[in-house]
Amino acid sequence: MGLDTNLRDEVREEIRSLKDEIRRQVSQALEGTSGTIRVDLHKDDVAQTEPSFVVVKDLVRQIREDVKSSLATRGEIAVDELVEKMPETTAADLLKSLANTDRLKMVKTLYSTKRTFSDFKTSTGLEAASVNNHLKSLLNMGLIAHSDEGGYELTKRGRMLIRTLALMSEALGGESID
């Protein structure tokens, strides 16, 4: 696993570095007086590269296919390792924290915008004590947090869990299971 993690980190860092360099060059080009990006190619350079362009294009396509295949395989291995190491109690607690339609509705509304206590009371139709209990449960699991501007917002963990549930629902065809 350590090798996979190191390789993944190296690839991510290299991609980040390339993106930063491209952004830097584009920013410099756009800061110029014309506001356009221009690439100058000498006629001789184009003539020399045309025959090999097809080879390069095929090579690039093959590299992409190899990288995709390798990433897919590594991804499956990484997910398998995650499943093996997953603490059952933590997973069960996360699922329990959203195994209530009112809490799920509350988290879904936070996906798009921050909400206040009274927003939750209105949208769920629940009494204040029930809303408070649901919010405490979601706060304790780290799925929501108090917003700096007041009210509540979805945490990164909460966003990831609600996305995962949406993907699971879609993968299962939205069918209800008895």
C-alpha atoms as a PDB file:
ATOM      1  CA  MET A   1       0.000   0.000   0.000  1.00  0.00           C
ATOM      2  CA  GLY A   2       2.854   2.394   0.796  1.00  0.00           C
ATOM      3  CA  LEU A   3       4.183   2.150  -2.763  1.00  0.00           C
ATOM      4  CA  ASP A   4       0.710   2.795  -4.224  1.00  0.00           C
ATOM      5  CA  THR A   5       0.243   5.781  -1.931  1.00  0.00           C
ATOM      6  CA  ASN A   6       3.666   7.194  -2.811  1.00  0.00           C
ATOM      7  CA  LEU A   7       3.058   6.700  -6.527  1.00  0.00           C
ATOM      8  CA  ARG A   8      -0.402   8.263  -6.301  1.00  0.00           C
ATOM      9  CA  ASP A   9       1.026  11.232  -4.372  1.00  0.00           C
ATOM     10  CA  GLU A  10       3.831  11.655  -6.919  1.00  0.00           C
ATOM     11  CA  VAL A  11       1.363  11.579  -9.835  1.00  0.00           C
ATOM     12  CA  ARG A  12      -0.928  14.072  -8.103  1.00  0.00           C
ATOM     13  CA  GLU A  13       1.987  16.393  -7.367  1.00  0.00           C
ATOM     14  CA  GLU A  14       3.238  16.191 -10.958  1.00  0.00           C
ATOM     15  CA  ILE A  15      -0.245  16.958 -12.310  1.00  0.00           C
ATOM     16  CA  ARG A  16      -0.581  19.850  -9.855  1.00  0.00           C
ATOM     17  CA  SER A  17       2.813  21.166 -10.955  1.00  0.00           C
ATOM     18  CA  LEU A  18       1.863  20.945 -14.642  1.00  0.00           C
ATOM     19  CA  LYS A  19      -1.448  22.700 -14.022  1.00  0.00           C
ATOM     20  CA  ASP A  20       0.296  25.471 -12.102  1.00  0.00           C
ATOM     21  CA  GLU A  21       2.825  25.946 -14.906  1.00  0.00           C
ATOM     22  CA  ILE A  22       0.088  26.076 -17.554  1.00  0.00           C
ATOM     23  CA  ARG A  23      -1.911  28.549 -15.478  1.00  0.00           C
ATOM     24  CA  ARG A  24       1.205  30.687 -14.981  1.00  0.00           C
ATOM     25  CA  GLN A  25       1.991  30.754 -18.690  1.00  0.00           C
ATOM     26  CA  VAL A  26      -1.607  31.494 -19.659  1.00  0.00           C
ATOM     27  CA  SER A  27      -1.787  34.285 -17.055  1.00  0.00           C
ATOM     28  CA  GLN A  28       1.409  35.824 -18.390  1.00  0.00           C
ATOM     29  CA  ALA A  29       0.100  35.639 -21.951  1.00  0.00           C
ATOM     30  CA  LEU A  30      -3.223  37.203 -20.964  1.00  0.00           C
ATOM     31  CA  GLU A  31      -1.507  40.025 -19.089  1.00  0.00           C
ATOM     32  CA  GLY A  32       0.024  41.150 -22.392  1.00  0.00           C
ATOM     33  CA  THR A  33      -1.434  44.084 -24.312  1.00  0.00           C
ATOM     34  CA  SER A  34      -3.388  42.090 -26.904  1.00  0.00           C
ATOM     35  CA  GLY A  35      -5.130  39.736 -24.465  1.00  0.00           C
ATOM     36  CA  THR A  36      -4.595  36.825 -26.853  1.00  0.00           C
ATOM     37  CA  ILE A  37      -2.387  33.774 -26.846  1.00  0.00           C
ATOM     38  CA  ARG A  38      -0.385  33.158 -29.969  1.00  0.00           C
ATOM     39  CA  VAL A  39       1.782  30.212 -30.888  1.00  0.00           C
ATOM     40  CA  ASP A  40       4.395  30.718 -33.591  1.00  0.00           C
ATOM     41  CA  LEU A  41       5.572  27.694 -35.554  1.00  0.00           C
ATOM     42  CA  HIS A  42       8.280  27.857 -38.154  1.00  0.00           C
ATOM     43  CA  LYS A  43       7.398  26.338 -41.523  1.00  0.00           C
ATOM     44  CA  ASP A  44      10.374  23.951 -41.356  1.00  0.00           C
ATOM     45  CA  ASP A  45       9.368  22.720 -37.897  1.00  0.00           C
ATOM     46  CA  VAL A  46       5.869  21.890 -39.112  1.00  0.00           C
ATOM     47  CA  ALA A  47       7.208  20.083 -42.186  1.00  0.00           C
ATOM     48  CA  GLN A  48       9.520  17.964 -40.054  1.00  0.00           C
ATOM     49  CA  THR A  49       6.865  16.985 -37.542  1.00  0.00           C
ATOM     50  CA  GLU A  50       3.946  16.170 -39.847  1.00  0.00           C
ATOM     51  CA  PRO A  51       4.982  12.562 -40.637  1.00  0.00           C
ATOM     52  CA  SER A  52       5.589  11.782 -36.984  1.00  0.00           C
ATOM     53  CA  PHE A  53       2.393  13.481 -35.813  1.00  0.00           C
ATOM     54  CA  VAL A  54       0.345  10.338 -36.505  1.00  0.00           C
ATOM     55  CA  VAL A  55       2.850   8.258 -34.531  1.00  0.00           C
ATOM     56  CA  VAL A  56       2.785  10.726 -31.643  1.00  0.00           C
ATOM     57  CA  LYS A  57      -1.013  10.800 -31.688  1.00  0.00           C
ATOM     58  CA  ASP A  58      -1.147   6.984 -31.543  1.00  0.00           C
ATOM     59  CA  LEU A  59       1.473   6.949 -28.806  1.00  0.00           C
ATOM     60  CA  VAL A  60      -0.472   9.483 -26.743  1.00  0.00           C
ATOM     61  CA  ARG A  61      -3.676   7.469 -27.184  1.00  0.00           C
ATOM     62  CA  GLN A  62      -1.887   4.266 -26.110  1.00  0.00           C
ATOM     63  CA  ILE A  63      -0.374   5.983 -23.069  1.00  0.00           C
ATOM     64  CA  ARG A  64      -3.804   7.302 -22.060  1.00  0.00           C
ATOM     65  CA  GLU A  65      -5.335   3.838 -22.384  1.00  0.00           C
ATOM     66  CA  ASP A  66      -2.502   2.304 -20.362  1.00  0.00           C
ATOM     67  CA  VAL A  67      -2.810   4.958 -17.653  1.00  0.00           C
ATOM     68  CA  LYS A  68      -6.603   4.531 -17.481  1.00  0.00           C
ATOM     69  CA  SER A  69      -6.246   0.774 -17.217  1.00  0.00           C
ATOM     70  CA  SER A  70      -3.533   1.069 -14.570  1.00  0.00           C
ATOM     71  CA  LEU A  71      -5.526   3.633 -12.575  1.00  0.00           C
ATOM     72  CA  ALA A  72      -8.646   1.467 -12.748  1.00  0.00           C
ATOM     73  CA  THR A  73      -6.710  -1.540 -11.454  1.00  0.00           C
ATOM     74  CA  ARG A  74      -5.004   0.493  -8.727  1.00  0.00           C
ATOM     75  CA  GLY A  75      -8.343   2.063  -7.831  1.00  0.00           C
ATOM     76  CA  GLU A  76      -9.962  -1.331  -7.396  1.00  0.00           C
ATOM     77  CA  ILE A  77      -7.064  -2.501  -5.227  1.00  0.00           C
ATOM     78  CA  ALA A  78      -7.240   0.690  -3.149  1.00  0.00           C
ATOM     79  CA  VAL A  79     -10.998   0.295  -2.649  1.00  0.00           C
ATOM     80  CA  ASP A  80     -10.521  -3.362  -1.691  1.00  0.00           C
ATOM     81  CA  GLU A  81      -7.975  -2.276   0.927  1.00  0.00           C
ATOM     82  CA  LEU A  82     -10.365   0.388   2.223  1.00  0.00           C
ATOM     83  CA  VAL A  83     -13.128  -2.193   2.580  1.00  0.00           C
ATOM     84  CA  GLU A  84     -10.825  -4.547   4.474  1.00  0.00           C
ATOM     85  CA  LYS A  85      -9.680  -1.820   6.878  1.00  0.00           C
ATOM     86  CA  MET A  86     -13.095  -0.161   7.327  1.00  0.00           C
ATOM     87  CA  PRO A  87     -14.060  -0.054  11.019  1.00  0.00           C
ATOM     88  CA  GLU A  88     -17.564  -1.529  11.160  1.00  0.00           C
ATOM     89  CA  THR A  89     -18.650   0.542  14.145  1.00  0.00           C
ATOM     90  CA  THR A  90     -17.711   3.840  12.510  1.00  0.00           C
ATOM     91  CA  ALA A  91     -19.436   2.871   9.266  1.00  0.00           C
ATOM     92  CA  ALA A  92     -22.549   1.769  11.168  1.00  0.00           C
ATOM     93  CA  ASP A  93     -22.599   5.024  13.147  1.00  0.00           C
ATOM     94  CA  LEU A  94     -22.346   7.066   9.943  1.00  0.00           C
ATOM     95  CA  LEU A  95     -25.187   5.144   8.363  1.00  0.00           C
ATOM     96  CA  LYS A  96     -27.285   5.437  11.536  1.00  0.00           C
ATOM     97  CA  SER A  97     -26.752   9.185  11.594  1.00  0.00           C
ATOM     98  CA  LEU A  98     -28.585   9.451   8.260  1.00  0.00           C
ATOM     99  CA  ALA A  99     -30.939   6.497   8.661  1.00  0.00           C
ATOM    100  CA  ASN A 100     -33.790   8.879   9.375  1.00  0.00           C
ATOM    101  CA  THR A 101     -35.775  10.642   6.677  1.00  0.00           C
ATOM    102  CA  ASP A 102     -35.882  13.939   8.601  1.00  0.00           C
ATOM    103  CA  ARG A 103     -32.090  13.981   9.139  1.00  0.00           C
ATOM    104  CA  LEU A 104     -31.539  13.021   5.515  1.00  0.00           C
ATOM    105  CA  LYS A 105     -33.833  15.851   4.384  1.00  0.00           C
ATOM    106  CA  MET A 106     -31.909  18.269   6.621  1.00  0.00           C
ATOM    107  CA  VAL A 107     -28.555  17.215   5.182  1.00  0.00           C
ATOM    108  CA  LYS A 108     -29.888  17.384   1.614  1.00  0.00           C
ATOM    109  CA  THR A 109     -31.048  20.971   2.131  1.00  0.00           C
ATOM    110  CA  LEU A 110     -27.596  21.868   3.477  1.00  0.00           C
ATOM    111  CA  TYR A 111     -26.012  20.487   0.309  1.00  0.00           C
ATOM    112  CA  SER A 112     -26.953  23.586  -1.637  1.00  0.00           C
ATOM    113  CA  THR A 113     -26.993  26.308   1.028  1.00  0.00           C
ATOM    114  CA  LYS A 114     -26.562  27.088   4.731  1.00  0.00           C
ATOM    115  CA  ARG A 115     -29.689  26.859   6.903  1.00  0.00           C
ATOM    116  CA  THR A 116     -30.861  28.111  10.263  1.00  0.00           C
ATOM    117  CA  PHE A 117     -32.658  26.264  13.034  1.00  0.00           C
ATOM    118  CA  SER A 118     -35.968  27.852  12.033  1.00  0.00           C
ATOM    119  CA  ASP A 119     -35.384  26.812   8.377  1.00  0.00           C
ATOM    120  CA  PHE A 120     -35.177  23.201   9.548  1.00  0.00           C
ATOM    121  CA  LYS A 121     -38.241  23.571  11.736  1.00  0.00           C
ATOM    122  CA  THR A 122     -40.233  24.919   8.785  1.00  0.00           C
ATOM    123  CA  SER A 123     -38.965  22.439   6.173  1.00  0.00           C
ATOM    124  CA  THR A 124     -39.444  19.352   8.360  1.00  0.00           C
ATOM    125  CA  GLY A 125     -42.568  20.422  10.245  1.00  0.00           C
ATOM    126  CA  LEU A 126     -41.017  19.014  13.432  1.00  0.00           C
ATOM    127  CA  GLU A 127     -41.140  20.430  16.937  1.00  0.00           C
ATOM    128  CA  ALA A 128     -38.091  22.353  18.179  1.00  0.00           C
ATOM    129  CA  ALA A 129     -36.982  19.498  20.471  1.00  0.00           C
ATOM    130  CA  SER A 130     -36.954  17.000  17.576  1.00  0.00           C
ATOM    131  CA  VAL A 131     -35.071  19.388  15.288  1.00  0.00           C
ATOM    132  CA  ASN A 132     -32.567  19.983  18.075  1.00  0.00           C
ATOM    133  CA  ASN A 133     -32.026  16.229  18.592  1.00  0.00           C
ATOM    134  CA  HIS A 134     -31.497  15.648  14.875  1.00  0.00           C
ATOM    135  CA  LEU A 135     -29.047  18.533  14.659  1.00  0.00           C
ATOM    136  CA  LYS A 136     -27.106  17.220  17.676  1.00  0.00           C
ATOM    137  CA  SER A 137     -26.839  13.802  16.054  1.00  0.00           C
ATOM    138  CA  LEU A 138     -25.564  15.295  12.778  1.00  0.00           C
ATOM    139  CA  LEU A 139     -23.139  17.576  14.638  1.00  0.00           C
ATOM    140  CA  ASN A 140     -21.797  14.680  16.751  1.00  0.00           C
ATOM    141  CA  MET A 141     -21.042  12.637  13.612  1.00  0.00           C
ATOM    142  CA  GLY A 142     -19.267  15.592  12.033  1.00  0.00           C
ATOM    143  CA  LEU A 143     -21.676  15.744   9.091  1.00  0.00           C
ATOM    144  CA  ILE A 144     -22.702  19.341   9.757  1.00  0.00           C
ATOM    145  CA  ALA A 145     -21.094  22.256  11.575  1.00  0.00           C
ATOM    146  CA  HIS A 146     -22.064  25.644  12.920  1.00  0.00           C
ATOM    147  CA  SER A 147     -21.646  28.264  10.203  1.00  0.00           C
ATOM    148  CA  ASP A 148     -19.540  31.364  10.858  1.00  0.00           C
ATOM    149  CA  GLU A 149     -22.505  33.489   9.756  1.00  0.00           C
ATOM    150  CA  GLY A 150     -24.884  31.606  12.042  1.00  0.00           C
ATOM    151  CA  GLY A 151     -26.943  28.526  11.349  1.00  0.00           C
ATOM    152  CA  TYR A 152     -25.542  25.294   9.993  1.00  0.00           C
ATOM    153  CA  GLU A 153     -23.536  24.093   7.018  1.00  0.00           C
ATOM    154  CA  LEU A 154     -22.539  20.746   5.576  1.00  0.00           C
ATOM    155  CA  THR A 155     -19.000  19.608   6.377  1.00  0.00           C
ATOM    156  CA  LYS A 156     -16.662  17.980   3.887  1.00  0.00           C
ATOM    157  CA  ARG A 157     -17.449  14.647   5.536  1.00  0.00           C
ATOM    158  CA  GLY A 158     -21.188  15.278   5.278  1.00  0.00           C
ATOM    159  CA  ARG A 159     -20.903  16.318   1.635  1.00  0.00           C
ATOM    160  CA  MET A 160     -18.947  13.155   0.837  1.00  0.00           C
ATOM    161  CA  LEU A 161     -21.468  10.933   2.618  1.00  0.00           C
ATOM    162  CA  ILE A 162     -24.521  12.494   0.945  1.00  0.00           C
ATOM    163  CA  ARG A 163     -22.841  12.189  -2.464  1.00  0.00           C
ATOM    164  CA  THR A 164     -22.029   8.551  -1.750  1.00  0.00           C
ATOM    165  CA  LEU A 165     -25.637   7.880  -0.757  1.00  0.00           C
ATOM    166  CA  ALA A 166     -26.895   9.599  -3.923  1.00  0.00           C
ATOM    167  CA  LEU A 167     -24.560   7.459  -6.046  1.00  0.00           C
ATOM    168  CA  MET A 168     -25.660   4.319  -4.213  1.00  0.00           C
ATOM    169  CA  SER A 169     -29.294   5.232  -4.752  1.00  0.00           C
ATOM    170  CA  GLU A 170     -28.668   5.823  -8.449  1.00  0.00           C
ATOM    171  CA  ALA A 171     -26.698   2.578  -8.798  1.00  0.00           C
ATOM    172  CA  LEU A 172     -29.540   0.641  -7.185  1.00  0.00           C
ATOM    173  CA  GLY A 173     -32.031   2.276  -9.517  1.00  0.00           C
ATOM    174  CA  GLY A 174     -33.767   4.151  -6.732  1.00  0.00           C
ATOM    175  CA  GLU A 175     -35.696   0.986  -5.881  1.00  0.00           C
ATOM    176  CA  SER A 176     -37.060   0.480  -2.417  1.00  0.00           C
ATOM    177  CA  ILE A 177     -36.124  -2.796  -0.786  1.00  0.00           C
ATOM    178  CA  ASP A 178     -38.484  -4.512   1.635  1.00  0.00           C
END
